[in-house]
Amino acid sequence: MEPCNSTPGFTTPFPEPPLSSSPAWNPDSDILDTNHLAGSPSHLPDPSFHHPLLDERLLNVHLRVIVTGGGFDTKELTACVQSIDRRLRLHQTVYKTSTELNEEWVTPKHPNPTRDNSLLIVIKGDHCGKHVRQIHHRYEGQDASAIVILAVVDRVAGHMDKLTGERLELEISYLCVCKESKADKAQNSSLMFALQEEARAK
């Protein structure tokens, strides 16, 4: 048998990894490409999409929203912002069962400036997370955008809201209607009367 021809100091090279290697199957990768995994949710959010309600200042607030998708057709529901696995998500709770809502289906319910006296919350800007109630409104600009004049309130469970003395003027796109129980509505029904009458008299 003839001896193997080999060059001292050289060994057979390892095969090159395939060019199509993907983090979805590469065990040495720290990045998991969920788009290649079987059984991945079909409603993974678009990474470039930022929902206006997914803000830590809105955690655990019961928000009125409009849902279109997943069997809902412009359905008005109550959603709550929750932090799960360090990610903010929108959840709907029905009979103590919590279900995640695809954030791309959900839009905030903005107040009607001419007839909405509901409890509101600011959903963007420096005042995000503040509960407010409407005093009055006006229209300005070429497109006659509604500007709502608001009183900031402190919420105390089981008691009438307390006026802080702070006032804001915001477009309706900055506001979302909150869920309010019948008992809370009754307790706060007279809270804004004096401020509203004062604003109408001007």
N, C-alpha and C. Protein backbone atom coordinates (compact mmCIF):
# COMPACT_ATOMS: atom_id res chain seq x y z
N MET A 1 0.86 -1.18 0.00
CA MET A 1 0.00 0.00 0.00
C MET A 1 0.89 1.22 0.00
N GLU A 2 0.53 2.17 -0.92
CA GLU A 2 1.32 3.39 -0.97
C GLU A 2 0.92 4.32 0.15
N PRO A 3 1.92 4.94 0.74
CA PRO A 3 1.58 5.87 1.82
C PRO A 3 0.78 7.04 1.30
N CYS A 4 -0.10 7.59 2.19
CA CYS A 4 -0.95 8.74 1.86
C CYS A 4 -0.07 9.96 1.63
N ASN A 5 -0.27 10.69 0.53
CA ASN A 5 0.47 11.91 0.31
C ASN A 5 -0.14 13.03 1.14
N SER A 6 0.57 13.52 2.11
CA SER A 6 0.06 14.63 2.95
C SER A 6 1.18 15.60 3.19
N THR A 7 0.78 16.84 3.39
CA THR A 7 1.77 17.89 3.64
C THR A 7 1.83 18.15 5.13
N PRO A 8 3.05 18.02 5.74
CA PRO A 8 3.15 18.25 7.19
C PRO A 8 2.65 19.65 7.55
N GLY A 9 1.89 19.71 8.68
CA GLY A 9 1.42 21.00 9.19
C GLY A 9 0.06 21.41 8.65
N PHE A 10 -0.48 20.61 7.73
CA PHE A 10 -1.79 20.94 7.18
C PHE A 10 -2.76 19.86 7.54
N THR A 11 -4.00 20.22 7.82
CA THR A 11 -5.06 19.24 8.12
C THR A 11 -6.22 19.48 7.19
N THR A 12 -7.08 18.50 7.12
CA THR A 12 -8.25 18.63 6.26
C THR A 12 -9.15 19.73 6.81
N PRO A 13 -9.52 20.73 6.00
CA PRO A 13 -10.35 21.83 6.54
C PRO A 13 -11.76 21.38 6.84
N PHE A 14 -12.39 22.06 7.87
CA PHE A 14 -13.79 21.79 8.17
C PHE A 14 -14.67 22.37 7.07
N PRO A 15 -15.81 21.76 6.80
CA PRO A 15 -16.68 22.30 5.75
C PRO A 15 -17.22 23.67 6.13
N GLU A 16 -17.36 24.53 5.10
CA GLU A 16 -17.91 25.86 5.33
C GLU A 16 -19.38 25.76 5.74
N PRO A 17 -19.85 26.61 6.67
CA PRO A 17 -21.28 26.58 7.00
C PRO A 17 -22.09 27.05 5.81
N PRO A 18 -23.28 26.49 5.61
CA PRO A 18 -24.09 26.89 4.47
C PRO A 18 -24.44 28.36 4.52
N LEU A 19 -24.50 29.00 3.33
CA LEU A 19 -24.78 30.42 3.27
C LEU A 19 -26.19 30.74 3.74
N SER A 20 -27.06 29.75 3.72
CA SER A 20 -28.46 30.01 4.09
C SER A 20 -28.72 29.80 5.56
N SER A 21 -27.63 29.73 6.37
CA SER A 21 -27.86 29.51 7.80
C SER A 21 -28.73 30.61 8.37
N SER A 22 -29.63 30.22 9.26
CA SER A 22 -30.59 31.18 9.83
C SER A 22 -30.58 31.05 11.34
N PRO A 23 -30.69 32.18 12.06
CA PRO A 23 -30.74 32.11 13.53
C PRO A 23 -31.92 31.28 14.03
N ALA A 24 -32.89 31.03 13.16
CA ALA A 24 -34.04 30.25 13.62
C ALA A 24 -33.64 28.82 13.95
N TRP A 25 -32.55 28.33 13.29
CA TRP A 25 -32.16 26.95 13.59
C TRP A 25 -30.73 26.85 14.08
N ASN A 26 -29.97 27.92 14.02
CA ASN A 26 -28.58 27.89 14.43
C ASN A 26 -28.48 27.91 15.95
N PRO A 27 -28.04 26.81 16.58
CA PRO A 27 -28.01 26.75 18.05
C PRO A 27 -27.01 27.69 18.68
N ASP A 28 -26.05 28.22 17.89
CA ASP A 28 -25.05 29.11 18.45
C ASP A 28 -25.48 30.58 18.39
N SER A 29 -26.65 30.83 17.81
CA SER A 29 -27.08 32.22 17.66
C SER A 29 -27.92 32.65 18.85
N ASP A 30 -27.76 33.93 19.26
CA ASP A 30 -28.57 34.50 20.33
C ASP A 30 -29.85 35.13 19.80
N ILE A 31 -30.00 35.20 18.48
CA ILE A 31 -31.16 35.85 17.86
C ILE A 31 -32.09 34.78 17.33
N LEU A 32 -33.35 34.88 17.71
CA LEU A 32 -34.33 33.91 17.28
C LEU A 32 -35.25 34.55 16.27
N ASP A 33 -35.25 34.02 15.06
CA ASP A 33 -36.11 34.55 14.01
C ASP A 33 -37.46 33.85 14.10
N THR A 34 -38.40 34.48 14.77
CA THR A 34 -39.69 33.84 15.02
C THR A 34 -40.51 33.67 13.76
N ASN A 35 -40.15 34.38 12.69
CA ASN A 35 -40.92 34.22 11.46
C ASN A 35 -40.73 32.85 10.83
N HIS A 36 -39.66 32.13 11.23
CA HIS A 36 -39.40 30.82 10.66
C HIS A 36 -39.85 29.68 11.56
N LEU A 37 -40.42 30.00 12.71
CA LEU A 37 -40.81 28.95 13.64
C LEU A 37 -42.22 28.48 13.36
N ALA A 38 -42.42 27.19 13.37
CA ALA A 38 -43.76 26.65 13.19
C ALA A 38 -44.62 27.01 14.38
N GLY A 39 -45.85 27.38 14.10
CA GLY A 39 -46.77 27.69 15.18
C GLY A 39 -46.63 29.10 15.73
N SER A 40 -45.81 29.96 15.08
CA SER A 40 -45.69 31.34 15.55
C SER A 40 -47.01 32.05 15.35
N PRO A 41 -47.35 33.02 16.24
CA PRO A 41 -48.61 33.75 16.07
C PRO A 41 -48.66 34.45 14.72
N SER A 42 -49.81 34.43 14.09
CA SER A 42 -49.95 35.04 12.78
C SER A 42 -50.09 36.55 12.89
N HIS A 43 -50.26 37.08 14.14
CA HIS A 43 -50.48 38.50 14.30
C HIS A 43 -49.31 39.19 15.00
N LEU A 44 -48.07 38.72 14.70
CA LEU A 44 -46.92 39.39 15.30
C LEU A 44 -46.92 40.86 14.87
N PRO A 45 -46.75 41.79 15.83
CA PRO A 45 -46.84 43.21 15.48
C PRO A 45 -45.72 43.66 14.57
N ASP A 46 -46.02 44.60 13.72
CA ASP A 46 -45.02 45.23 12.87
C ASP A 46 -44.06 46.00 13.77
N PRO A 47 -42.75 45.70 13.71
CA PRO A 47 -41.81 46.37 14.63
C PRO A 47 -41.77 47.88 14.45
N SER A 48 -42.20 48.39 13.28
CA SER A 48 -42.20 49.83 13.05
C SER A 48 -43.47 50.49 13.56
N PHE A 49 -44.43 49.68 14.00
CA PHE A 49 -45.72 50.20 14.44
C PHE A 49 -45.69 50.46 15.94
N HIS A 50 -46.01 51.69 16.36
CA HIS A 50 -46.08 51.99 17.78
C HIS A 50 -47.49 52.42 18.11
N HIS A 51 -48.14 51.67 19.01
CA HIS A 51 -49.52 51.97 19.34
C HIS A 51 -49.59 53.13 20.33
N PRO A 52 -50.51 54.08 20.12
CA PRO A 52 -50.58 55.25 21.00
C PRO A 52 -50.96 54.93 22.44
N LEU A 53 -51.57 53.76 22.69
CA LEU A 53 -51.97 53.42 24.05
C LEU A 53 -50.92 52.62 24.81
N LEU A 54 -49.89 52.17 24.13
CA LEU A 54 -48.87 51.35 24.81
C LEU A 54 -47.80 52.26 25.43
N ASP A 55 -48.19 52.81 26.56
CA ASP A 55 -47.33 53.73 27.31
C ASP A 55 -47.43 53.34 28.79
N GLU A 56 -46.29 53.27 29.47
CA GLU A 56 -46.28 52.86 30.88
C GLU A 56 -47.13 53.76 31.76
N ARG A 57 -47.34 54.99 31.34
CA ARG A 57 -48.16 55.92 32.13
C ARG A 57 -49.65 55.57 32.05
N LEU A 58 -50.00 54.62 31.19
CA LEU A 58 -51.40 54.20 31.05
C LEU A 58 -51.64 52.79 31.61
N LEU A 59 -50.65 52.26 32.34
CA LEU A 59 -50.79 50.91 32.89
C LEU A 59 -52.02 50.77 33.76
N ASN A 60 -52.77 49.69 33.52
CA ASN A 60 -53.92 49.29 34.34
C ASN A 60 -55.10 50.27 34.29
N VAL A 61 -55.09 51.18 33.33
CA VAL A 61 -56.23 52.08 33.14
C VAL A 61 -57.23 51.40 32.21
N HIS A 62 -58.50 51.46 32.57
CA HIS A 62 -59.55 50.84 31.75
C HIS A 62 -59.99 51.83 30.68
N LEU A 63 -59.60 51.55 29.45
CA LEU A 63 -59.78 52.46 28.33
C LEU A 63 -60.87 51.96 27.39
N ARG A 64 -61.67 52.88 26.90
CA ARG A 64 -62.65 52.53 25.88
C ARG A 64 -61.96 52.60 24.52
N VAL A 65 -62.09 51.53 23.74
CA VAL A 65 -61.40 51.44 22.46
C VAL A 65 -62.36 50.91 21.39
N ILE A 66 -61.96 51.12 20.13
CA ILE A 66 -62.69 50.58 18.99
C ILE A 66 -61.82 49.48 18.37
N VAL A 67 -62.40 48.29 18.21
CA VAL A 67 -61.64 47.14 17.71
C VAL A 67 -62.21 46.70 16.37
N THR A 68 -61.32 46.60 15.38
CA THR A 68 -61.69 46.10 14.06
C THR A 68 -60.70 45.01 13.68
N GLY A 69 -61.17 43.77 13.66
CA GLY A 69 -60.31 42.63 13.36
C GLY A 69 -60.56 41.50 14.34
N GLY A 70 -60.18 40.29 13.97
CA GLY A 70 -60.36 39.15 14.86
C GLY A 70 -61.81 38.87 15.18
N GLY A 71 -62.70 39.09 14.22
CA GLY A 71 -64.12 38.86 14.45
C GLY A 71 -64.87 40.08 14.93
N PHE A 72 -64.15 41.18 15.22
CA PHE A 72 -64.80 42.42 15.66
C PHE A 72 -64.86 43.40 14.48
N ASP A 73 -66.00 44.07 14.35
CA ASP A 73 -66.18 45.05 13.29
C ASP A 73 -66.54 46.38 13.92
N THR A 74 -65.53 47.24 14.10
CA THR A 74 -65.68 48.53 14.79
C THR A 74 -66.47 48.37 16.08
N LYS A 75 -66.08 47.39 16.87
CA LYS A 75 -66.74 47.08 18.14
C LYS A 75 -66.11 47.91 19.26
N GLU A 76 -66.96 48.55 20.07
CA GLU A 76 -66.46 49.30 21.21
C GLU A 76 -66.29 48.36 22.41
N LEU A 77 -65.07 48.34 22.96
CA LEU A 77 -64.73 47.45 24.07
C LEU A 77 -63.95 48.24 25.13
N THR A 78 -63.72 47.58 26.26
CA THR A 78 -62.82 48.13 27.28
C THR A 78 -61.52 47.34 27.24
N ALA A 79 -60.41 48.03 27.13
CA ALA A 79 -59.10 47.39 27.11
C ALA A 79 -58.25 47.97 28.23
N CYS A 80 -57.28 47.18 28.65
CA CYS A 80 -56.39 47.58 29.73
C CYS A 80 -54.95 47.36 29.30
N VAL A 81 -54.08 48.33 29.55
CA VAL A 81 -52.66 48.18 29.23
C VAL A 81 -52.00 47.41 30.36
N GLN A 82 -51.33 46.30 30.02
CA GLN A 82 -50.65 45.48 31.01
C GLN A 82 -49.20 45.24 30.58
N SER A 83 -48.34 45.04 31.56
CA SER A 83 -46.95 44.73 31.28
C SER A 83 -46.74 43.23 31.53
N ILE A 84 -46.46 42.50 30.47
CA ILE A 84 -46.27 41.05 30.55
C ILE A 84 -44.94 40.71 29.88
N ASP A 85 -44.07 40.03 30.63
CA ASP A 85 -42.73 39.70 30.13
C ASP A 85 -42.00 40.97 29.65
N ARG A 86 -42.19 42.05 30.41
CA ARG A 86 -41.54 43.34 30.14
C ARG A 86 -41.94 43.93 28.80
N ARG A 87 -43.11 43.53 28.33
CA ARG A 87 -43.64 44.12 27.11
C ARG A 87 -45.06 44.60 27.37
N LEU A 88 -45.37 45.81 26.91
CA LEU A 88 -46.71 46.35 27.10
C LEU A 88 -47.67 45.73 26.09
N ARG A 89 -48.83 45.31 26.60
CA ARG A 89 -49.83 44.67 25.75
C ARG A 89 -51.21 45.18 26.12
N LEU A 90 -52.13 45.07 25.17
CA LEU A 90 -53.52 45.45 25.40
C LEU A 90 -54.35 44.20 25.65
N HIS A 91 -55.09 44.21 26.75
CA HIS A 91 -55.90 43.04 27.13
C HIS A 91 -57.35 43.44 27.35
N GLN A 92 -58.22 42.53 26.97
CA GLN A 92 -59.64 42.66 27.27
C GLN A 92 -60.01 41.59 28.29
N THR A 93 -60.75 41.98 29.32
CA THR A 93 -61.18 41.02 30.34
C THR A 93 -62.69 40.88 30.31
N VAL A 94 -63.14 39.64 30.12
CA VAL A 94 -64.57 39.34 30.12
C VAL A 94 -64.81 38.19 31.09
N TYR A 95 -65.65 38.44 32.09
CA TYR A 95 -65.94 37.42 33.11
C TYR A 95 -64.66 36.84 33.71
N LYS A 96 -63.74 37.74 34.08
CA LYS A 96 -62.48 37.40 34.74
C LYS A 96 -61.49 36.66 33.84
N THR A 97 -61.82 36.53 32.55
CA THR A 97 -60.89 35.91 31.60
C THR A 97 -60.25 37.00 30.76
N SER A 98 -58.91 37.07 30.82
CA SER A 98 -58.17 38.11 30.11
C SER A 98 -57.67 37.59 28.77
N THR A 99 -57.89 38.35 27.71
CA THR A 99 -57.47 37.96 26.37
C THR A 99 -56.68 39.10 25.75
N GLU A 100 -55.54 38.76 25.15
CA GLU A 100 -54.73 39.79 24.50
C GLU A 100 -55.38 40.21 23.20
N LEU A 101 -55.38 41.51 22.95
CA LEU A 101 -55.89 42.06 21.70
C LEU A 101 -54.71 42.42 20.79
N ASN A 102 -54.83 42.08 19.53
CA ASN A 102 -53.83 42.50 18.57
C ASN A 102 -53.85 44.03 18.51
N GLU A 103 -52.74 44.65 18.85
CA GLU A 103 -52.71 46.10 18.96
C GLU A 103 -53.03 46.80 17.65
N GLU A 104 -52.80 46.12 16.52
CA GLU A 104 -53.07 46.75 15.23
C GLU A 104 -54.57 46.80 14.93
N TRP A 105 -55.38 46.11 15.72
CA TRP A 105 -56.84 46.17 15.55
C TRP A 105 -57.46 47.32 16.34
N VAL A 106 -56.71 47.88 17.28
CA VAL A 106 -57.29 48.74 18.32
C VAL A 106 -56.99 50.22 18.08
N THR A 107 -58.04 51.05 18.18
CA THR A 107 -57.86 52.50 18.15
C THR A 107 -58.54 53.09 19.38
N PRO A 108 -58.00 54.17 19.94
CA PRO A 108 -58.63 54.79 21.12
C PRO A 108 -59.99 55.37 20.76
N LYS A 109 -60.90 55.36 21.70
CA LYS A 109 -62.16 56.07 21.53
C LYS A 109 -61.95 57.50 22.03
N HIS A 110 -61.96 58.44 21.10
CA HIS A 110 -61.79 59.84 21.46
C HIS A 110 -63.14 60.43 21.87
N PRO A 111 -63.13 61.43 22.73
CA PRO A 111 -64.41 62.01 23.18
C PRO A 111 -65.07 62.85 22.09
N ASN A 112 -66.39 62.95 22.17
CA ASN A 112 -67.13 63.89 21.34
C ASN A 112 -67.17 65.22 22.11
N PRO A 113 -66.55 66.27 21.59
CA PRO A 113 -66.43 67.50 22.38
C PRO A 113 -67.75 68.20 22.67
N THR A 114 -68.80 67.89 21.89
CA THR A 114 -70.06 68.62 22.09
C THR A 114 -70.99 67.96 23.09
N ARG A 115 -70.77 66.67 23.38
CA ARG A 115 -71.72 66.02 24.28
C ARG A 115 -71.11 64.98 25.22
N ASP A 116 -69.81 64.87 25.26
CA ASP A 116 -69.18 63.83 26.06
C ASP A 116 -68.68 64.38 27.39
N ASN A 117 -69.31 63.96 28.48
CA ASN A 117 -68.88 64.38 29.82
C ASN A 117 -68.24 63.22 30.59
N SER A 118 -67.72 62.26 29.86
CA SER A 118 -67.12 61.08 30.48
C SER A 118 -65.78 61.41 31.13
N LEU A 119 -65.35 60.47 31.97
CA LEU A 119 -63.98 60.53 32.48
C LEU A 119 -63.03 60.27 31.31
N LEU A 120 -62.00 61.10 31.21
CA LEU A 120 -61.04 60.99 30.11
C LEU A 120 -59.63 60.83 30.67
N ILE A 121 -58.73 60.39 29.80
CA ILE A 121 -57.32 60.34 30.18
C ILE A 121 -56.49 60.85 29.01
N VAL A 122 -55.42 61.56 29.33
CA VAL A 122 -54.50 62.04 28.30
C VAL A 122 -53.60 60.88 27.88
N ILE A 123 -53.49 60.66 26.55
CA ILE A 123 -52.78 59.47 26.09
C ILE A 123 -51.45 59.78 25.39
N LYS A 124 -51.10 61.05 25.27
CA LYS A 124 -49.79 61.37 24.69
C LYS A 124 -49.36 62.76 25.14
N GLY A 125 -48.08 63.03 24.91
CA GLY A 125 -47.53 64.32 25.32
C GLY A 125 -47.08 64.33 26.78
N ASP A 126 -46.70 65.50 27.24
CA ASP A 126 -46.15 65.65 28.60
C ASP A 126 -47.15 65.29 29.69
N HIS A 127 -48.44 65.41 29.40
CA HIS A 127 -49.47 65.18 30.42
C HIS A 127 -50.07 63.77 30.35
N CYS A 128 -49.45 62.90 29.57
CA CYS A 128 -49.96 61.53 29.41
C CYS A 128 -50.14 60.86 30.77
N GLY A 129 -51.29 60.22 30.95
CA GLY A 129 -51.58 59.51 32.19
C GLY A 129 -52.43 60.31 33.17
N LYS A 130 -52.68 61.59 32.87
CA LYS A 130 -53.51 62.41 33.77
C LYS A 130 -54.99 62.20 33.45
N HIS A 131 -55.79 61.98 34.50
CA HIS A 131 -57.24 61.91 34.32
C HIS A 131 -57.79 63.33 34.25
N VAL A 132 -58.74 63.52 33.34
CA VAL A 132 -59.30 64.86 33.14
C VAL A 132 -60.80 64.75 32.89
N ARG A 133 -61.47 65.87 33.11
CA ARG A 133 -62.89 65.99 32.77
C ARG A 133 -63.08 67.29 31.99
N GLN A 134 -64.02 67.26 31.05
CA GLN A 134 -64.21 68.39 30.16
C GLN A 134 -64.95 69.54 30.83
N ILE A 135 -64.43 70.75 30.61
CA ILE A 135 -65.12 71.96 31.05
C ILE A 135 -65.88 72.56 29.87
N HIS A 136 -65.17 72.74 28.77
CA HIS A 136 -65.77 73.38 27.60
C HIS A 136 -64.92 73.03 26.38
N HIS A 137 -65.28 73.53 25.21
CA HIS A 137 -64.49 73.29 24.01
C HIS A 137 -64.61 74.49 23.08
N ARG A 138 -63.69 74.55 22.13
CA ARG A 138 -63.75 75.57 21.10
C ARG A 138 -63.15 74.99 19.82
N TYR A 139 -63.36 75.68 18.71
CA TYR A 139 -62.81 75.25 17.43
C TYR A 139 -61.83 76.30 16.94
N GLU A 140 -60.72 75.83 16.37
CA GLU A 140 -59.73 76.77 15.85
C GLU A 140 -59.02 76.18 14.65
N GLY A 141 -58.37 77.04 13.88
CA GLY A 141 -57.64 76.60 12.69
C GLY A 141 -58.53 76.52 11.47
N GLN A 142 -57.90 76.38 10.31
CA GLN A 142 -58.64 76.31 9.05
C GLN A 142 -59.52 75.08 8.98
N ASP A 143 -59.08 74.01 9.64
CA ASP A 143 -59.88 72.78 9.61
C ASP A 143 -60.85 72.70 10.80
N ALA A 144 -60.94 73.78 11.57
CA ALA A 144 -61.85 73.85 12.71
C ALA A 144 -61.67 72.67 13.66
N SER A 145 -60.41 72.42 14.03
CA SER A 145 -60.12 71.33 14.97
C SER A 145 -60.69 71.66 16.35
N ALA A 146 -61.24 70.64 16.99
CA ALA A 146 -61.82 70.84 18.33
C ALA A 146 -60.71 70.86 19.38
N ILE A 147 -60.70 71.90 20.18
CA ILE A 147 -59.80 72.01 21.33
C ILE A 147 -60.66 71.89 22.58
N VAL A 148 -60.30 70.94 23.45
CA VAL A 148 -61.09 70.69 24.65
C VAL A 148 -60.40 71.32 25.85
N ILE A 149 -61.18 72.10 26.61
CA ILE A 149 -60.68 72.72 27.84
C ILE A 149 -61.00 71.77 28.98
N LEU A 150 -59.99 71.39 29.75
CA LEU A 150 -60.10 70.26 30.68
C LEU A 150 -59.65 70.64 32.09
N ALA A 151 -60.26 69.99 33.06
CA ALA A 151 -59.82 70.09 34.45
C ALA A 151 -59.17 68.76 34.83
N VAL A 152 -57.97 68.83 35.38
CA VAL A 152 -57.27 67.62 35.83
C VAL A 152 -57.85 67.20 37.18
N VAL A 153 -58.09 65.88 37.33
CA VAL A 153 -58.68 65.38 38.57
C VAL A 153 -57.82 64.26 39.16
N ASP A 154 -57.90 64.14 40.47
CA ASP A 154 -57.32 62.99 41.17
C ASP A 154 -58.41 61.97 41.40
N ARG A 155 -58.10 60.72 41.06
CA ARG A 155 -59.07 59.65 41.21
C ARG A 155 -58.87 58.94 42.55
N VAL A 156 -59.95 58.80 43.30
CA VAL A 156 -59.91 58.05 44.56
C VAL A 156 -61.06 57.06 44.52
N ALA A 157 -60.73 55.77 44.54
CA ALA A 157 -61.74 54.72 44.40
C ALA A 157 -62.83 54.88 45.46
N GLY A 158 -64.09 54.86 45.01
CA GLY A 158 -65.21 54.94 45.92
C GLY A 158 -65.57 56.33 46.38
N HIS A 159 -64.85 57.36 45.88
CA HIS A 159 -65.11 58.74 46.30
C HIS A 159 -65.22 59.63 45.07
N MET A 160 -65.78 60.81 45.27
CA MET A 160 -65.84 61.79 44.20
C MET A 160 -64.43 62.22 43.82
N ASP A 161 -64.23 62.45 42.53
CA ASP A 161 -62.93 62.95 42.08
C ASP A 161 -62.62 64.28 42.74
N LYS A 162 -61.31 64.58 42.86
CA LYS A 162 -60.89 65.86 43.42
C LYS A 162 -60.25 66.70 42.32
N LEU A 163 -60.71 67.93 42.18
CA LEU A 163 -60.12 68.86 41.23
C LEU A 163 -58.75 69.30 41.73
N THR A 164 -57.74 69.21 40.87
CA THR A 164 -56.38 69.60 41.28
C THR A 164 -56.14 71.10 41.09
N GLY A 165 -56.99 71.75 40.31
CA GLY A 165 -56.78 73.16 39.99
C GLY A 165 -56.02 73.34 38.68
N GLU A 166 -55.43 72.26 38.14
CA GLU A 166 -54.70 72.35 36.88
C GLU A 166 -55.69 72.25 35.71
N ARG A 167 -55.45 73.07 34.70
CA ARG A 167 -56.30 73.03 33.51
C ARG A 167 -55.43 72.81 32.28
N LEU A 168 -55.99 72.08 31.30
CA LEU A 168 -55.29 71.79 30.06
C LEU A 168 -56.19 72.14 28.89
N GLU A 169 -55.57 72.41 27.74
CA GLU A 169 -56.30 72.60 26.50
C GLU A 169 -55.65 71.71 25.45
N LEU A 170 -56.39 70.70 25.00
CA LEU A 170 -55.82 69.67 24.13
C LEU A 170 -56.77 69.33 22.99
N GLU A 171 -56.20 68.89 21.87
CA GLU A 171 -57.01 68.35 20.78
C GLU A 171 -57.57 67.00 21.21
N ILE A 172 -58.68 66.60 20.58
CA ILE A 172 -59.31 65.34 21.01
C ILE A 172 -58.42 64.12 20.73
N SER A 173 -57.46 64.24 19.79
CA SER A 173 -56.58 63.10 19.50
C SER A 173 -55.66 62.78 20.68
N TYR A 174 -55.55 63.72 21.65
CA TYR A 174 -54.73 63.51 22.84
C TYR A 174 -55.50 62.81 23.95
N LEU A 175 -56.78 62.53 23.71
CA LEU A 175 -57.66 62.04 24.78
C LEU A 175 -58.31 60.72 24.43
N CYS A 176 -58.52 59.91 25.47
CA CYS A 176 -59.26 58.66 25.32
C CYS A 176 -60.29 58.58 26.43
N VAL A 177 -61.47 58.07 26.07
CA VAL A 177 -62.53 57.88 27.06
C VAL A 177 -62.16 56.71 27.97
N CYS A 178 -62.41 56.85 29.26
CA CYS A 178 -62.18 55.77 30.23
C CYS A 178 -63.49 55.09 30.58
N LYS A 179 -63.41 53.83 30.97
CA LYS A 179 -64.58 53.15 31.50
C LYS A 179 -64.87 53.72 32.89
N GLU A 180 -66.14 53.99 33.13
CA GLU A 180 -66.54 54.55 34.42
C GLU A 180 -67.81 53.84 34.88
N SER A 181 -67.80 53.35 36.10
CA SER A 181 -68.97 52.64 36.62
C SER A 181 -70.14 53.60 36.82
N LYS A 182 -71.35 53.04 36.90
CA LYS A 182 -72.54 53.87 37.15
C LYS A 182 -72.42 54.61 38.48
N ALA A 183 -71.85 53.93 39.48
CA ALA A 183 -71.69 54.56 40.80
C ALA A 183 -70.75 55.75 40.72
N ASP A 184 -69.64 55.61 39.99
CA ASP A 184 -68.69 56.71 39.84
C ASP A 184 -69.31 57.86 39.06
N LYS A 185 -70.08 57.54 38.02
CA LYS A 185 -70.74 58.59 37.25
C LYS A 185 -71.69 59.39 38.13
N ALA A 186 -72.43 58.66 38.96
CA ALA A 186 -73.39 59.33 39.85
C ALA A 186 -72.69 60.23 40.85
N GLN A 187 -71.57 59.74 41.41
CA GLN A 187 -70.83 60.53 42.41
C GLN A 187 -70.23 61.79 41.82
N ASN A 188 -69.87 61.73 40.53
CA ASN A 188 -69.19 62.85 39.91
C ASN A 188 -70.10 63.67 39.00
N SER A 189 -71.40 63.40 39.04
CA SER A 189 -72.32 64.06 38.12
C SER A 189 -72.36 65.58 38.31
N SER A 190 -72.13 66.04 39.53
CA SER A 190 -72.20 67.48 39.79
C SER A 190 -70.83 68.15 39.90
N LEU A 191 -69.76 67.36 39.74
CA LEU A 191 -68.41 67.88 39.98
C LEU A 191 -68.06 69.06 39.08
N MET A 192 -68.49 68.98 37.82
CA MET A 192 -68.05 69.97 36.83
C MET A 192 -69.06 71.10 36.61
N PHE A 193 -70.20 71.06 37.29
CA PHE A 193 -71.26 72.03 37.01
C PHE A 193 -70.77 73.47 37.11
N ALA A 194 -70.12 73.82 38.21
CA ALA A 194 -69.71 75.21 38.43
C ALA A 194 -68.71 75.66 37.37
N LEU A 195 -67.74 74.82 37.03
CA LEU A 195 -66.73 75.18 36.03
C LEU A 195 -67.36 75.30 34.66
N GLN A 196 -68.30 74.41 34.34
CA GLN A 196 -68.96 74.47 33.04
C GLN A 196 -69.84 75.70 32.90
N GLU A 197 -70.55 76.04 33.96
CA GLU A 197 -71.40 77.24 33.92
C GLU A 197 -70.55 78.51 33.79
N GLU A 198 -69.43 78.53 34.47
CA GLU A 198 -68.52 79.67 34.39
C GLU A 198 -67.98 79.83 32.97
N ALA A 199 -67.63 78.70 32.33
CA ALA A 199 -67.09 78.75 30.96
C ALA A 199 -68.15 79.20 29.96
N ARG A 200 -69.39 78.76 30.15
CA ARG A 200 -70.48 79.16 29.24
C ARG A 200 -70.80 80.65 29.36
N ALA A 201 -70.61 81.20 30.54
CA ALA A 201 -70.95 82.60 30.79
C ALA A 201 -69.94 83.57 30.15
N LYS A 202 -68.77 83.08 29.79
CA LYS A 202 -67.74 83.96 29.23
C LYS A 202 -68.03 84.29 27.76
